[in-house]
N, C-alpha and C. Protein backbone atom coordinates (compact mmCIF):
# COMPACT_ATOMS: atom_id res chain seq x y z
N UNK A 1 -0.93 25.41 1.55
CA UNK A 1 -0.79 23.97 1.38
C UNK A 1 0.20 23.69 0.26
N UNK A 2 1.01 22.68 0.46
CA UNK A 2 1.85 22.16 -0.62
C UNK A 2 1.17 20.90 -1.14
N UNK A 3 1.06 20.83 -2.46
CA UNK A 3 0.48 19.67 -3.11
C UNK A 3 1.56 19.06 -3.99
N UNK A 4 1.91 17.81 -3.70
CA UNK A 4 2.90 17.08 -4.48
C UNK A 4 2.17 16.08 -5.37
N UNK A 5 2.55 16.04 -6.63
CA UNK A 5 1.97 15.09 -7.57
C UNK A 5 3.09 14.20 -8.07
N UNK A 6 2.89 12.89 -7.99
CA UNK A 6 3.91 11.93 -8.39
C UNK A 6 3.30 10.97 -9.42
N UNK A 7 4.00 10.83 -10.54
CA UNK A 7 3.57 9.83 -11.52
C UNK A 7 4.16 8.49 -11.11
N UNK A 8 3.38 7.44 -11.27
CA UNK A 8 3.88 6.11 -10.92
C UNK A 8 5.19 5.82 -11.65
N UNK A 9 5.98 4.93 -11.08
CA UNK A 9 7.26 4.54 -11.67
C UNK A 9 7.04 3.61 -12.86
N UNK A 10 8.12 3.18 -13.48
CA UNK A 10 8.06 2.32 -14.67
C UNK A 10 7.35 1.02 -14.34
N UNK A 11 6.35 0.70 -15.16
CA UNK A 11 5.55 -0.52 -14.97
C UNK A 11 5.73 -1.43 -16.18
N UNK A 12 5.30 -2.69 -16.05
CA UNK A 12 5.35 -3.60 -17.19
C UNK A 12 4.46 -3.03 -18.29
N UNK A 13 4.83 -3.30 -19.52
CA UNK A 13 4.11 -2.77 -20.68
C UNK A 13 2.70 -3.31 -20.77
N UNK A 14 1.83 -2.52 -21.38
CA UNK A 14 0.48 -3.01 -21.68
C UNK A 14 0.60 -4.24 -22.56
N UNK A 15 -0.29 -5.19 -22.33
CA UNK A 15 -0.29 -6.40 -23.14
C UNK A 15 0.68 -7.46 -22.67
N UNK A 16 1.43 -7.20 -21.59
CA UNK A 16 2.35 -8.20 -21.06
C UNK A 16 1.55 -9.40 -20.57
N UNK A 17 1.99 -10.58 -20.98
CA UNK A 17 1.29 -11.81 -20.60
C UNK A 17 1.15 -11.90 -19.08
N UNK A 18 -0.04 -12.27 -18.65
CA UNK A 18 -0.32 -12.41 -17.22
C UNK A 18 -0.93 -11.18 -16.60
N UNK A 19 -0.94 -10.07 -17.34
CA UNK A 19 -1.51 -8.82 -16.83
C UNK A 19 -2.49 -8.29 -17.87
N UNK A 20 -3.64 -8.95 -17.94
CA UNK A 20 -4.63 -8.61 -18.96
C UNK A 20 -5.31 -7.27 -18.71
N UNK A 21 -5.50 -6.92 -17.44
CA UNK A 21 -6.14 -5.64 -17.12
C UNK A 21 -5.08 -4.58 -16.86
N UNK A 22 -5.31 -3.40 -17.40
CA UNK A 22 -4.38 -2.29 -17.21
C UNK A 22 -4.16 -2.01 -15.73
N UNK A 23 -5.20 -2.12 -14.93
CA UNK A 23 -5.10 -1.81 -13.51
C UNK A 23 -4.23 -2.78 -12.72
N UNK A 24 -3.89 -3.93 -13.33
CA UNK A 24 -3.10 -4.96 -12.64
C UNK A 24 -1.60 -4.89 -12.94
N UNK A 25 -1.18 -3.98 -13.81
CA UNK A 25 0.23 -3.95 -14.20
C UNK A 25 1.11 -3.47 -13.03
N UNK A 26 2.12 -4.29 -12.64
CA UNK A 26 3.01 -3.92 -11.54
C UNK A 26 4.21 -3.10 -12.04
N UNK A 27 4.96 -2.57 -11.08
CA UNK A 27 6.22 -1.91 -11.40
C UNK A 27 7.24 -2.95 -11.83
N UNK A 28 8.18 -2.52 -12.66
CA UNK A 28 9.31 -3.37 -13.03
C UNK A 28 10.38 -3.24 -11.93
N UNK A 29 11.36 -4.10 -11.97
CA UNK A 29 12.48 -3.99 -11.02
C UNK A 29 13.19 -2.65 -11.18
N UNK A 30 13.37 -2.23 -12.43
CA UNK A 30 14.00 -0.93 -12.69
C UNK A 30 13.15 0.19 -12.12
N UNK A 31 11.83 0.09 -12.29
CA UNK A 31 10.93 1.10 -11.75
C UNK A 31 10.99 1.17 -10.23
N UNK A 32 11.03 0.02 -9.60
CA UNK A 32 11.13 -0.04 -8.14
C UNK A 32 12.42 0.61 -7.66
N UNK A 33 13.52 0.25 -8.30
CA UNK A 33 14.83 0.79 -7.91
C UNK A 33 14.88 2.31 -8.07
N UNK A 34 14.41 2.79 -9.22
CA UNK A 34 14.41 4.24 -9.44
C UNK A 34 13.51 4.96 -8.44
N UNK A 35 12.33 4.39 -8.19
CA UNK A 35 11.39 5.05 -7.29
C UNK A 35 11.93 5.11 -5.87
N UNK A 36 12.64 4.08 -5.45
CA UNK A 36 13.27 4.13 -4.13
C UNK A 36 14.25 5.30 -4.05
N UNK A 37 15.01 5.50 -5.12
CA UNK A 37 15.94 6.64 -5.17
C UNK A 37 15.22 7.97 -5.17
N UNK A 38 14.13 8.06 -5.93
CA UNK A 38 13.34 9.30 -5.98
C UNK A 38 12.76 9.61 -4.60
N UNK A 39 12.18 8.60 -3.95
CA UNK A 39 11.59 8.81 -2.63
C UNK A 39 12.65 9.28 -1.63
N UNK A 40 13.80 8.67 -1.68
CA UNK A 40 14.89 9.07 -0.77
C UNK A 40 15.32 10.50 -1.05
N UNK A 41 15.44 10.85 -2.33
CA UNK A 41 15.83 12.21 -2.71
C UNK A 41 14.79 13.23 -2.26
N UNK A 42 13.51 12.90 -2.42
CA UNK A 42 12.46 13.83 -1.97
C UNK A 42 12.56 14.06 -0.47
N UNK A 43 12.79 12.99 0.26
CA UNK A 43 12.92 13.14 1.72
C UNK A 43 14.13 14.01 2.05
N UNK A 44 15.24 13.78 1.36
CA UNK A 44 16.46 14.57 1.59
C UNK A 44 16.26 16.05 1.22
N UNK A 45 15.34 16.32 0.29
CA UNK A 45 15.04 17.70 -0.12
C UNK A 45 14.14 18.40 0.88
N UNK A 46 13.63 17.67 1.86
CA UNK A 46 12.75 18.26 2.85
C UNK A 46 11.28 18.17 2.53
N UNK A 47 10.93 17.36 1.54
CA UNK A 47 9.52 17.15 1.22
C UNK A 47 8.85 16.51 2.44
N UNK A 48 7.66 17.00 2.76
CA UNK A 48 6.87 16.38 3.82
C UNK A 48 5.40 16.54 3.46
N UNK A 49 4.59 15.68 3.98
CA UNK A 49 3.16 15.71 3.68
C UNK A 49 2.41 15.04 4.81
N UNK A 50 1.12 15.39 4.88
CA UNK A 50 0.25 14.85 5.93
C UNK A 50 -0.67 13.76 5.41
N UNK A 51 -0.85 13.70 4.11
CA UNK A 51 -1.73 12.71 3.49
C UNK A 51 -1.08 12.21 2.21
N UNK A 52 -1.05 10.88 2.06
CA UNK A 52 -0.57 10.24 0.84
C UNK A 52 -1.78 9.55 0.21
N UNK A 53 -2.23 10.10 -0.92
CA UNK A 53 -3.43 9.64 -1.60
C UNK A 53 -3.03 9.11 -2.97
N UNK A 54 -3.44 7.88 -3.27
CA UNK A 54 -2.99 7.21 -4.49
C UNK A 54 -4.14 6.67 -5.32
N UNK A 55 -3.87 6.52 -6.61
CA UNK A 55 -4.74 5.74 -7.49
C UNK A 55 -4.73 4.31 -6.96
N UNK A 56 -5.84 3.60 -7.10
CA UNK A 56 -5.85 2.19 -6.66
C UNK A 56 -5.20 1.23 -7.66
N UNK A 57 -4.81 1.71 -8.85
CA UNK A 57 -4.15 0.84 -9.82
C UNK A 57 -2.83 0.33 -9.23
N UNK A 58 -2.50 -0.91 -9.52
CA UNK A 58 -1.37 -1.57 -8.87
C UNK A 58 -0.06 -0.79 -9.00
N UNK A 59 0.25 -0.27 -10.18
CA UNK A 59 1.53 0.42 -10.35
C UNK A 59 1.59 1.71 -9.52
N UNK A 60 0.47 2.39 -9.37
CA UNK A 60 0.44 3.59 -8.53
C UNK A 60 0.50 3.20 -7.05
N UNK A 61 -0.24 2.15 -6.71
CA UNK A 61 -0.23 1.67 -5.32
C UNK A 61 1.18 1.27 -4.90
N UNK A 62 1.90 0.54 -5.77
CA UNK A 62 3.27 0.13 -5.44
C UNK A 62 4.19 1.35 -5.33
N UNK A 63 3.98 2.35 -6.17
CA UNK A 63 4.76 3.58 -6.09
C UNK A 63 4.49 4.27 -4.75
N UNK A 64 3.22 4.37 -4.39
CA UNK A 64 2.86 5.00 -3.11
C UNK A 64 3.45 4.23 -1.93
N UNK A 65 3.48 2.92 -2.03
CA UNK A 65 4.06 2.11 -0.95
C UNK A 65 5.55 2.35 -0.80
N UNK A 66 6.26 2.54 -1.90
CA UNK A 66 7.69 2.86 -1.83
C UNK A 66 7.88 4.20 -1.14
N UNK A 67 7.07 5.18 -1.52
CA UNK A 67 7.14 6.49 -0.86
C UNK A 67 6.77 6.34 0.61
N UNK A 68 5.71 5.58 0.88
CA UNK A 68 5.28 5.36 2.26
C UNK A 68 6.36 4.71 3.11
N UNK A 69 7.10 3.77 2.53
CA UNK A 69 8.21 3.14 3.27
C UNK A 69 9.28 4.17 3.61
N UNK A 70 9.66 5.00 2.64
CA UNK A 70 10.72 5.99 2.87
C UNK A 70 10.29 7.03 3.91
N UNK A 71 9.03 7.43 3.86
CA UNK A 71 8.53 8.47 4.76
C UNK A 71 7.86 7.89 6.02
N UNK A 72 7.94 6.57 6.17
CA UNK A 72 7.42 5.87 7.34
C UNK A 72 5.93 6.14 7.57
N UNK A 73 5.16 6.05 6.48
CA UNK A 73 3.72 6.27 6.60
C UNK A 73 2.93 5.29 5.71
N UNK A 74 3.53 4.16 5.40
CA UNK A 74 2.90 3.21 4.48
C UNK A 74 1.52 2.76 4.95
N UNK A 75 1.34 2.59 6.24
CA UNK A 75 0.07 2.08 6.75
C UNK A 75 -1.06 3.10 6.67
N UNK A 76 -0.72 4.35 6.41
CA UNK A 76 -1.76 5.38 6.36
C UNK A 76 -2.07 5.86 4.94
N UNK A 77 -1.60 5.13 3.92
CA UNK A 77 -1.90 5.49 2.53
C UNK A 77 -3.40 5.33 2.29
N UNK A 78 -3.98 6.32 1.62
CA UNK A 78 -5.39 6.28 1.24
C UNK A 78 -5.46 6.15 -0.29
N UNK A 79 -6.58 5.61 -0.76
CA UNK A 79 -6.76 5.40 -2.20
C UNK A 79 -8.01 6.10 -2.68
N UNK A 80 -7.93 6.66 -3.87
CA UNK A 80 -9.06 7.37 -4.45
C UNK A 80 -9.32 6.90 -5.87
N UNK A 81 -10.55 6.51 -6.18
CA UNK A 81 -10.89 6.14 -7.55
C UNK A 81 -10.76 7.34 -8.49
N UNK A 82 -10.78 8.55 -7.95
CA UNK A 82 -10.69 9.75 -8.78
C UNK A 82 -9.27 9.98 -9.29
N UNK A 83 -8.29 9.25 -8.75
CA UNK A 83 -6.91 9.33 -9.24
C UNK A 83 -6.60 8.24 -10.27
N UNK A 84 -7.51 7.31 -10.46
CA UNK A 84 -7.30 6.21 -11.40
C UNK A 84 -7.38 6.73 -12.84
N UNK A 85 -6.87 5.94 -13.77
CA UNK A 85 -7.00 6.26 -15.18
C UNK A 85 -8.48 6.45 -15.47
N UNK A 86 -8.84 7.55 -16.10
CA UNK A 86 -10.23 7.86 -16.39
C UNK A 86 -10.95 8.56 -15.25
N UNK A 87 -10.24 8.83 -14.16
CA UNK A 87 -10.84 9.50 -13.02
C UNK A 87 -11.11 10.97 -13.32
N UNK A 88 -11.83 11.61 -12.42
CA UNK A 88 -12.22 13.01 -12.59
C UNK A 88 -11.42 13.93 -11.68
N UNK A 89 -10.60 14.82 -12.25
CA UNK A 89 -9.88 15.78 -11.41
C UNK A 89 -10.82 16.66 -10.57
N UNK A 90 -11.95 17.04 -11.13
CA UNK A 90 -12.91 17.86 -10.38
C UNK A 90 -13.41 17.09 -9.15
N UNK A 91 -13.73 15.81 -9.35
CA UNK A 91 -14.21 14.99 -8.23
C UNK A 91 -13.10 14.74 -7.21
N UNK A 92 -11.85 14.65 -7.68
CA UNK A 92 -10.72 14.52 -6.76
C UNK A 92 -10.62 15.74 -5.85
N UNK A 93 -10.69 16.92 -6.44
CA UNK A 93 -10.62 18.16 -5.66
C UNK A 93 -11.78 18.21 -4.66
N UNK A 94 -12.98 17.84 -5.11
CA UNK A 94 -14.13 17.80 -4.21
C UNK A 94 -13.90 16.81 -3.06
N UNK A 95 -13.34 15.64 -3.40
CA UNK A 95 -13.05 14.63 -2.37
C UNK A 95 -12.06 15.17 -1.34
N UNK A 96 -10.99 15.77 -1.80
CA UNK A 96 -9.98 16.30 -0.88
C UNK A 96 -10.60 17.35 0.04
N UNK A 97 -11.34 18.29 -0.56
CA UNK A 97 -11.94 19.36 0.24
C UNK A 97 -13.01 18.84 1.20
N UNK A 98 -13.73 17.79 0.82
CA UNK A 98 -14.80 17.25 1.66
C UNK A 98 -14.27 16.27 2.72
N UNK A 99 -13.42 15.33 2.27
CA UNK A 99 -12.98 14.25 3.17
C UNK A 99 -11.74 14.60 3.99
N UNK A 100 -10.95 15.56 3.53
CA UNK A 100 -9.69 15.89 4.22
C UNK A 100 -9.55 17.41 4.40
N UNK A 101 -10.57 18.08 4.93
CA UNK A 101 -10.53 19.55 4.98
C UNK A 101 -9.45 20.13 5.90
N UNK A 102 -9.04 19.38 6.89
CA UNK A 102 -8.06 19.89 7.85
C UNK A 102 -6.65 19.38 7.61
N UNK A 103 -6.45 18.66 6.51
CA UNK A 103 -5.13 18.13 6.19
C UNK A 103 -4.27 19.25 5.62
N UNK A 104 -3.01 19.26 6.00
CA UNK A 104 -2.08 20.28 5.49
C UNK A 104 -1.59 19.92 4.10
N UNK A 105 -0.38 19.42 4.03
CA UNK A 105 0.24 19.11 2.74
C UNK A 105 -0.15 17.71 2.29
N UNK A 106 -0.31 17.57 0.96
CA UNK A 106 -0.81 16.32 0.40
C UNK A 106 0.09 15.85 -0.74
N UNK A 107 0.30 14.53 -0.81
CA UNK A 107 0.99 13.92 -1.94
C UNK A 107 0.00 13.02 -2.66
N UNK A 108 -0.10 13.22 -3.98
CA UNK A 108 -0.97 12.42 -4.84
C UNK A 108 -0.11 11.55 -5.74
N UNK A 109 -0.48 10.30 -5.91
CA UNK A 109 0.23 9.39 -6.81
C UNK A 109 -0.76 8.92 -7.87
N UNK A 110 -0.42 9.15 -9.13
CA UNK A 110 -1.34 8.81 -10.20
C UNK A 110 -0.68 8.56 -11.53
N UNK A 111 -1.40 8.93 -12.59
CA UNK A 111 -1.06 8.55 -13.96
C UNK A 111 -1.04 9.77 -14.88
N UNK A 112 -0.48 9.56 -16.05
CA UNK A 112 -0.53 10.54 -17.13
C UNK A 112 -1.60 10.11 -18.12
N UNK A 113 -2.24 11.00 -18.80
CA UNK A 113 -2.07 12.46 -18.79
C UNK A 113 -2.87 13.16 -17.69
N UNK A 114 -3.49 12.39 -16.82
CA UNK A 114 -4.32 12.94 -15.74
C UNK A 114 -3.56 13.99 -14.92
N UNK A 115 -2.36 13.64 -14.44
CA UNK A 115 -1.64 14.55 -13.56
C UNK A 115 -1.26 15.84 -14.27
N UNK A 116 -0.84 15.75 -15.53
CA UNK A 116 -0.50 16.96 -16.28
C UNK A 116 -1.71 17.86 -16.47
N UNK A 117 -2.85 17.25 -16.73
CA UNK A 117 -4.09 18.02 -16.88
C UNK A 117 -4.43 18.72 -15.57
N UNK A 118 -4.27 18.02 -14.46
CA UNK A 118 -4.54 18.60 -13.15
C UNK A 118 -3.58 19.75 -12.86
N UNK A 119 -2.30 19.56 -13.12
CA UNK A 119 -1.32 20.63 -12.92
C UNK A 119 -1.71 21.85 -13.74
N UNK A 120 -2.01 21.63 -15.01
CA UNK A 120 -2.40 22.73 -15.89
C UNK A 120 -3.60 23.49 -15.35
N UNK A 121 -4.63 22.77 -14.92
CA UNK A 121 -5.84 23.40 -14.39
C UNK A 121 -5.53 24.23 -13.15
N UNK A 122 -4.77 23.65 -12.22
CA UNK A 122 -4.51 24.34 -10.96
C UNK A 122 -3.58 25.54 -11.13
N UNK A 123 -2.68 25.49 -12.11
CA UNK A 123 -1.74 26.58 -12.32
C UNK A 123 -2.32 27.67 -13.23
N UNK A 124 -3.10 27.29 -14.24
CA UNK A 124 -3.55 28.26 -15.23
C UNK A 124 -5.07 28.47 -15.30
N UNK A 125 -5.83 27.53 -14.78
CA UNK A 125 -7.28 27.62 -14.88
C UNK A 125 -7.86 26.91 -16.09
N UNK A 126 -7.00 26.31 -16.90
CA UNK A 126 -7.48 25.50 -18.04
C UNK A 126 -6.51 24.36 -18.25
N UNK A 127 -6.88 23.42 -19.10
CA UNK A 127 -6.06 22.21 -19.27
C UNK A 127 -5.13 22.28 -20.47
N UNK A 128 -4.83 23.46 -20.97
CA UNK A 128 -4.06 23.59 -22.20
C UNK A 128 -2.55 23.74 -22.06
N UNK A 129 -2.03 23.84 -20.86
CA UNK A 129 -0.57 23.97 -20.71
C UNK A 129 0.06 22.61 -20.98
N UNK A 130 1.01 22.54 -21.91
CA UNK A 130 1.63 21.24 -22.21
C UNK A 130 2.67 20.85 -21.15
N UNK A 131 2.22 20.15 -20.15
CA UNK A 131 3.08 19.65 -19.08
C UNK A 131 3.26 18.16 -19.32
N UNK A 132 4.47 17.67 -19.09
CA UNK A 132 4.72 16.24 -19.25
C UNK A 132 5.48 15.73 -18.04
N UNK A 133 4.90 14.77 -17.38
CA UNK A 133 5.56 14.15 -16.23
C UNK A 133 6.12 12.80 -16.66
N UNK A 134 7.37 12.60 -16.38
CA UNK A 134 8.00 11.31 -16.66
C UNK A 134 7.61 10.31 -15.59
N UNK A 135 7.71 9.03 -15.93
CA UNK A 135 7.42 7.98 -14.95
C UNK A 135 8.39 8.12 -13.78
N UNK A 136 7.83 8.22 -12.58
CA UNK A 136 8.65 8.42 -11.40
C UNK A 136 8.98 9.88 -11.14
N UNK A 137 8.43 10.78 -11.95
CA UNK A 137 8.65 12.21 -11.76
C UNK A 137 7.67 12.78 -10.76
N UNK A 138 7.95 14.01 -10.32
CA UNK A 138 7.10 14.65 -9.32
C UNK A 138 7.07 16.15 -9.52
N UNK A 139 6.09 16.75 -8.91
CA UNK A 139 5.86 18.18 -9.03
C UNK A 139 5.41 18.70 -7.67
N UNK A 140 5.75 19.95 -7.38
CA UNK A 140 5.28 20.61 -6.15
C UNK A 140 4.53 21.86 -6.54
N UNK A 141 3.30 21.96 -6.03
CA UNK A 141 2.47 23.15 -6.21
C UNK A 141 2.22 23.77 -4.85
N UNK A 142 2.25 25.10 -4.79
CA UNK A 142 1.86 25.83 -3.58
C UNK A 142 0.45 26.36 -3.80
N UNK A 143 -0.43 26.11 -2.84
CA UNK A 143 -1.84 26.46 -3.00
C UNK A 143 -2.34 27.15 -1.75
N UNK A 144 -3.04 28.25 -1.95
CA UNK A 144 -3.68 28.96 -0.84
C UNK A 144 -4.99 28.25 -0.48
N UNK A 145 -5.90 28.14 -1.44
CA UNK A 145 -7.18 27.46 -1.25
C UNK A 145 -7.42 26.56 -2.44
N UNK A 146 -7.50 25.25 -2.22
CA UNK A 146 -7.64 24.29 -3.30
C UNK A 146 -9.03 24.34 -3.93
N UNK A 147 -9.06 24.48 -5.24
CA UNK A 147 -10.30 24.47 -6.00
C UNK A 147 -10.02 24.00 -7.41
N UNK A 148 -11.05 23.65 -8.15
CA UNK A 148 -10.88 23.23 -9.53
C UNK A 148 -10.86 24.49 -10.41
N UNK A 149 -9.76 25.23 -10.28
CA UNK A 149 -9.56 26.51 -10.95
C UNK A 149 -8.10 26.90 -10.78
N UNK A 150 -7.76 28.06 -11.28
CA UNK A 150 -6.41 28.57 -11.08
C UNK A 150 -6.24 28.92 -9.61
N UNK A 151 -5.40 28.17 -8.92
CA UNK A 151 -5.23 28.38 -7.48
C UNK A 151 -3.82 28.04 -7.00
N UNK A 152 -2.93 27.66 -7.93
CA UNK A 152 -1.63 27.15 -7.51
C UNK A 152 -0.48 27.84 -8.24
N UNK A 153 0.66 27.80 -7.58
CA UNK A 153 1.92 28.21 -8.19
C UNK A 153 2.81 26.99 -8.30
N UNK A 154 3.42 26.82 -9.46
CA UNK A 154 4.34 25.71 -9.68
C UNK A 154 5.67 26.04 -9.01
N UNK A 155 6.05 25.22 -8.04
CA UNK A 155 7.34 25.40 -7.35
C UNK A 155 8.45 24.65 -8.09
N UNK A 156 8.18 23.39 -8.44
CA UNK A 156 9.14 22.61 -9.22
C UNK A 156 8.45 21.42 -9.88
N UNK A 157 9.09 20.96 -10.95
CA UNK A 157 8.66 19.78 -11.70
C UNK A 157 9.94 19.07 -12.11
N UNK A 158 10.12 17.83 -11.65
CA UNK A 158 11.36 17.11 -11.89
C UNK A 158 11.10 15.69 -12.34
N UNK A 159 11.96 15.22 -13.23
CA UNK A 159 11.93 13.82 -13.62
C UNK A 159 12.82 13.03 -12.69
N UNK A 160 12.77 11.70 -12.78
CA UNK A 160 13.58 10.88 -11.88
C UNK A 160 15.08 11.16 -12.00
N UNK A 161 15.54 11.50 -13.18
CA UNK A 161 16.98 11.77 -13.36
C UNK A 161 17.43 12.95 -12.49
N UNK A 162 16.60 14.00 -12.39
CA UNK A 162 16.96 15.14 -11.56
C UNK A 162 16.94 14.76 -10.07
N UNK A 163 15.99 13.95 -9.67
CA UNK A 163 15.96 13.51 -8.27
C UNK A 163 17.17 12.67 -7.94
N UNK A 164 17.53 11.79 -8.85
CA UNK A 164 18.64 10.88 -8.57
C UNK A 164 19.97 11.62 -8.53
N UNK A 165 20.06 12.78 -9.16
CA UNK A 165 21.25 13.62 -9.03
C UNK A 165 21.31 14.28 -7.66
N UNK A 166 20.11 14.45 -7.04
CA UNK A 166 20.02 15.08 -5.71
C UNK A 166 20.52 14.17 -4.60
N UNK A 167 20.53 12.86 -4.86
CA UNK A 167 20.90 11.90 -3.80
C UNK A 167 22.29 12.15 -3.27
């Protein structure tokens, strides 16, 4: 299985008037534009997936929708509370294994530091590897059997600037 992890694109800052709850912060115009380029570059690189699973927070949902538009799968996006800020990576893995056991490749859209912690756990078996995902960045892991343990190999980790050079 290939597991792709994508950090949401640039969103309005915390405390921006009109967006009192963190979960309601939308992407900025710059974030939308960059994410469209990243999604296009991923498609051009041959990225493919069978399930697009996102945090329900607005900025992640909008990021997933941009990816869904590029890959023509927007209507089949699923949402998981385990990908939200404060969510549980262990429960996410359990959800994937329980609810989507026959799915091949998966793309997850979420937040930092959650995604870095998940990458660290899956690659090393602990959360101590200092991984940093930029907004709009993505990572590809190759996994034989998904579990909340060391089970993955890091194929690539790129920020939006590297994707936009791929276009």
